[in-house]
Amino acid sequence: MDTKRIILRQTENTSIREKAYEYLKASILSGQRNPGERLTEEHLAKELGISRTPVREALHKLESEGLIKPLPSRGFIASQDSKDDIEELFEIRAVLEGYALRVICARIDDAVLERLEETVRKAEEALRAQSLDDVFYWNTRFHDILHELILDRHRLYQQMVTMRQYVLRYRKNTLQRLDGGERTVGGHRKILLALRLHDLDLCERVMREHIQQSKKDALQSLFKDNEEVM
């Protein structure tokens, strides 16, 4: 049986519409569906092995989130975010991540700090080996560990997860260059130091600076053929 159909049927407590929505959203955010790619109810229903009704509902939900746009005729296309859209995403993430690190700073312990230290060391080793996929993995793991500490803050956690999904599709490109990877690992070193000092204000500031640098790297990577990004 097709893997996608298995995924759509394996969670009994989730509606088919929600499973179709999550699958399609993940495929867009991961880059499996390119900006401008046409999406139709008929094709997607056949692809997922379900009726057109839950696909239609999922598509309308994705449209309301700006991930797809309707065509003048039938169907939708995967959206291409503008430079302003991407800047806004990173700005929102900077606020969320900065506040979250304040919360994390107040509750972090030595065991978690050592786990974070290990991910930074692994990322530094990957940089020296010029293994950029591993740099991306360990840098993602760094944020995963931080986010584990706010699982009980449900609203904040869900907002963070959503924003991270939107940003990560642009962020990965910047970690496929050594200079981008070096800046990211350096930023994680500063975050780790702020956490070790248990300085709430410093934590929020360095995290915001880290995301701002990520924004600059992403924009330079995505719009390198256009005017210089300041």
Protein backbone atom coordinates (compact mmCIF):
# COMPACT_ATOMS: atom_id res chain seq x y z
CA MET A 1 0.00 0.00 0.00
CA ASP A 2 1.15 3.54 -0.75
CA THR A 3 2.98 5.14 2.23
CA LYS A 4 0.95 8.35 2.01
CA ARG A 5 -2.28 6.38 2.33
CA ILE A 6 -0.93 4.54 5.37
CA ILE A 7 -0.04 7.87 7.01
CA LEU A 8 -3.51 9.24 6.34
CA ARG A 9 -5.17 6.30 8.04
CA GLN A 10 -2.95 5.56 11.00
CA THR A 11 -4.21 8.14 13.54
CA GLU A 12 -7.76 7.24 14.53
CA ASN A 13 -8.38 10.36 16.59
CA THR A 14 -7.58 12.75 13.75
CA SER A 15 -10.01 13.47 10.92
CA ILE A 16 -9.10 12.62 7.34
CA ARG A 17 -9.30 16.34 6.54
CA GLU A 18 -6.76 17.20 9.26
CA LYS A 19 -4.43 14.42 8.16
CA ALA A 20 -4.67 15.60 4.54
CA TYR A 21 -4.04 19.18 5.68
CA GLU A 22 -0.97 18.23 7.75
CA TYR A 23 0.46 16.11 4.95
CA LEU A 24 0.00 18.81 2.31
CA LYS A 25 1.30 21.54 4.60
CA ALA A 26 4.42 19.50 5.40
CA SER A 27 5.01 18.82 1.70
CA ILE A 28 4.84 22.56 0.93
CA LEU A 29 7.01 23.70 3.84
CA SER A 30 9.63 21.01 3.20
CA GLY A 31 9.99 22.11 -0.42
CA GLN A 32 8.59 18.89 -1.90
CA ARG A 33 6.08 21.06 -3.76
CA ASN A 34 7.74 23.93 -5.58
CA PRO A 35 6.37 27.50 -5.59
CA GLY A 36 4.03 27.82 -8.55
CA GLU A 37 3.23 24.10 -8.65
CA ARG A 38 -0.43 23.51 -9.52
CA LEU A 39 -2.57 21.67 -6.98
CA THR A 40 -5.98 20.26 -7.86
CA GLU A 41 -8.56 18.40 -5.82
CA GLU A 42 -8.73 15.55 -8.33
CA HIS A 43 -4.99 14.93 -8.47
CA LEU A 44 -4.45 15.22 -4.70
CA ALA A 45 -7.43 13.00 -3.87
CA LYS A 46 -5.99 10.34 -6.17
CA GLU A 47 -2.50 10.82 -4.75
CA LEU A 48 -3.71 10.39 -1.16
CA GLY A 49 -6.33 7.76 -1.85
CA ILE A 50 -9.19 9.71 -0.29
CA SER A 51 -12.32 11.53 -1.47
CA ARG A 52 -12.22 15.07 -2.82
CA THR A 53 -14.20 16.62 0.07
CA PRO A 54 -11.44 16.43 2.75
CA VAL A 55 -8.90 17.54 0.15
CA ARG A 56 -11.06 20.56 -0.72
CA GLU A 57 -11.37 21.50 2.98
CA ALA A 58 -7.61 21.08 3.50
CA LEU A 59 -6.86 23.29 0.49
CA HIS A 60 -9.11 26.06 1.75
CA LYS A 61 -7.38 25.94 5.13
CA LEU A 62 -3.97 26.17 3.45
CA GLU A 63 -5.26 29.11 1.39
CA SER A 64 -6.35 30.92 4.57
CA GLU A 65 -2.78 30.53 5.89
CA GLY A 66 -1.26 31.94 2.71
CA LEU A 67 0.54 28.73 1.74
CA ILE A 68 -1.38 28.36 -1.51
CA LYS A 69 -3.20 30.77 -3.83
CA PRO A 70 -6.27 30.13 -6.00
CA LEU A 71 -5.92 30.11 -9.77
CA PRO A 72 -8.33 32.10 -11.98
CA SER A 73 -9.48 28.74 -13.32
CA ARG A 74 -9.67 25.56 -11.26
CA GLY A 75 -7.11 24.66 -8.64
CA PHE A 76 -4.40 26.35 -6.59
CA ILE A 77 -0.67 26.97 -6.76
CA ALA A 78 1.92 26.75 -3.98
CA SER A 79 2.73 30.30 -2.91
CA GLN A 80 6.07 32.04 -3.28
CA ASP A 81 6.73 34.33 -0.32
CA SER A 82 7.96 37.79 -1.13
CA LYS A 83 10.99 39.41 0.49
CA ASP A 84 8.64 41.33 2.80
CA ASP A 85 6.80 38.11 3.73
CA ILE A 86 10.06 36.39 4.67
CA GLU A 87 11.27 39.38 6.70
CA GLU A 88 7.98 39.35 8.61
CA LEU A 89 8.28 35.63 9.36
CA PHE A 90 11.76 36.06 10.84
CA GLU A 91 10.75 39.15 12.82
CA ILE A 92 7.84 37.28 14.41
CA ARG A 93 10.09 34.33 15.15
CA ALA A 94 12.67 36.61 16.79
CA VAL A 95 10.05 37.90 19.23
CA LEU A 96 8.71 34.42 20.01
CA GLU A 97 12.13 32.79 20.39
CA GLY A 98 13.45 35.67 22.51
CA TYR A 99 10.53 35.43 24.92
CA ALA A 100 10.75 31.63 24.97
CA LEU A 101 14.43 31.74 25.92
CA ARG A 102 13.55 33.96 28.89
CA VAL A 103 11.17 31.24 30.04
CA ILE A 104 13.72 28.52 29.37
CA CYS A 105 16.50 30.40 31.19
CA ALA A 106 14.46 30.39 34.40
CA ARG A 107 14.00 26.62 34.38
CA ILE A 108 17.07 25.13 32.67
CA ASP A 109 19.35 22.78 34.63
CA ASP A 110 22.93 21.55 34.26
CA ALA A 111 21.90 18.32 32.54
CA VAL A 112 20.17 20.21 29.72
CA LEU A 113 23.07 22.63 29.44
CA GLU A 114 25.39 19.69 28.87
CA ARG A 115 23.08 18.32 26.16
CA LEU A 116 23.19 21.71 24.45
CA GLU A 117 26.96 21.84 24.80
CA GLU A 118 27.21 18.46 23.10
CA THR A 119 25.14 19.61 20.10
CA VAL A 120 27.33 22.69 19.69
CA ARG A 121 30.48 20.54 19.84
CA LYS A 122 29.05 18.18 17.23
CA ALA A 123 28.14 21.10 14.98
CA GLU A 124 31.67 22.50 15.33
CA GLU A 125 33.12 19.09 14.41
CA ALA A 126 30.82 18.96 11.38
CA LEU A 127 32.00 22.42 10.32
CA ARG A 128 35.63 21.36 10.52
CA ALA A 129 34.79 18.32 8.40
CA GLN A 130 32.76 20.56 6.05
CA SER A 131 29.81 18.19 6.51
CA LEU A 132 27.02 20.71 5.99
CA ASP A 133 24.14 18.26 6.32
CA ASP A 134 25.45 17.38 9.78
CA VAL A 135 25.78 21.08 10.64
CA PHE A 136 22.12 21.51 9.77
CA TYR A 137 21.15 18.44 11.81
CA TRP A 138 22.97 19.50 14.99
CA ASN A 139 21.83 23.09 14.76
CA THR A 140 18.24 21.90 14.42
CA ARG A 141 18.77 19.58 17.37
CA PHE A 142 19.95 22.54 19.48
CA HIS A 143 16.58 24.23 19.05
CA ASP A 144 14.73 20.93 19.55
CA ILE A 145 16.28 20.58 23.01
CA LEU A 146 15.34 24.14 23.94
CA HIS A 147 11.76 23.65 22.79
CA GLU A 148 11.40 20.51 24.93
CA LEU A 149 11.57 22.79 27.97
CA ILE A 150 8.37 24.64 27.06
CA LEU A 151 6.13 21.71 26.15
CA ASP A 152 3.92 22.62 29.10
CA ARG A 153 3.45 26.17 27.75
CA HIS A 154 1.02 24.96 25.13
CA ARG A 155 0.17 28.21 23.34
CA LEU A 156 3.78 29.34 23.19
CA TYR A 157 5.00 25.91 22.09
CA GLN A 158 2.45 25.61 19.27
CA GLN A 159 3.24 29.11 18.02
CA MET A 160 6.94 28.27 18.04
CA VAL A 161 6.44 25.01 16.15
CA THR A 162 4.30 26.70 13.49
CA MET A 163 6.69 29.60 12.97
CA ARG A 164 9.68 27.30 12.88
CA GLN A 165 8.06 25.23 10.12
CA TYR A 166 7.54 28.33 8.01
CA VAL A 167 11.08 29.62 8.53
CA LEU A 168 13.02 26.36 8.22
CA ARG A 169 12.41 25.98 4.49
CA TYR A 170 14.32 29.25 3.96
CA ARG A 171 16.86 28.60 6.70
CA LYS A 172 18.24 25.31 5.38
CA ASN A 173 19.72 26.97 2.28
CA THR A 174 21.88 29.24 4.45
CA LEU A 175 23.35 26.26 6.29
CA GLN A 176 24.54 24.77 3.02
CA ARG A 177 27.35 27.36 3.06
CA LEU A 178 30.25 27.26 5.48
CA ASP A 179 30.00 30.95 6.38
CA GLY A 180 26.30 30.60 7.23
CA GLY A 181 26.99 27.51 9.29
CA GLU A 182 29.82 29.25 11.16
CA ARG A 183 27.59 32.20 12.07
CA THR A 184 24.86 29.89 13.28
CA VAL A 185 27.17 27.81 15.45
CA GLY A 186 28.70 31.01 16.84
CA GLY A 187 25.21 32.25 17.69
CA HIS A 188 24.47 29.03 19.54
CA ARG A 189 27.68 29.47 21.55
CA LYS A 190 26.44 32.92 22.67
CA ILE A 191 23.00 31.52 23.58
CA LEU A 192 24.61 28.76 25.59
CA LEU A 193 26.78 31.27 27.48
CA ALA A 194 23.76 33.44 28.29
CA LEU A 195 21.92 30.37 29.60
CA ARG A 196 24.89 29.36 31.75
CA LEU A 197 24.87 32.86 33.25
CA HIS A 198 21.12 32.56 33.93
CA ASP A 199 20.70 36.13 32.66
CA LEU A 200 17.11 36.48 31.38
CA ASP A 201 17.63 39.81 29.62
CA LEU A 202 20.82 38.62 27.96
CA CYS A 203 19.12 35.42 26.84
CA GLU A 204 16.31 37.30 25.14
CA ARG A 205 18.74 39.71 23.47
CA VAL A 206 21.15 37.12 22.09
CA MET A 207 18.32 34.96 20.78
CA ARG A 208 16.77 37.91 18.96
CA GLU A 209 20.18 38.78 17.51
CA HIS A 210 20.62 35.16 16.43
CA ILE A 211 17.31 35.13 14.56
CA GLN A 212 18.05 38.53 13.01
CA GLN A 213 21.32 37.14 11.66
CA SER A 214 19.44 34.12 10.35
CA LYS A 215 17.06 36.48 8.57
CA LYS A 216 19.91 38.38 6.95
CA ASP A 217 21.58 35.14 5.80
CA ALA A 218 18.31 33.79 4.41
CA LEU A 219 17.53 36.98 2.48
CA GLN A 220 21.05 37.18 1.05
CA SER A 221 20.79 33.55 -0.07
CA LEU A 222 17.32 33.88 -1.58
CA PHE A 223 17.74 37.29 -3.21
CA LYS A 224 21.44 37.27 -4.04
CA ASP A 225 20.73 38.13 -7.65
CA ASN A 226 18.77 41.25 -6.63
CA GLU A 227 19.91 44.39 -4.82
CA GLU A 228 22.14 43.92 -1.78
CA VAL A 229 20.27 43.05 1.42
CA MET A 230 21.19 45.37 4.25
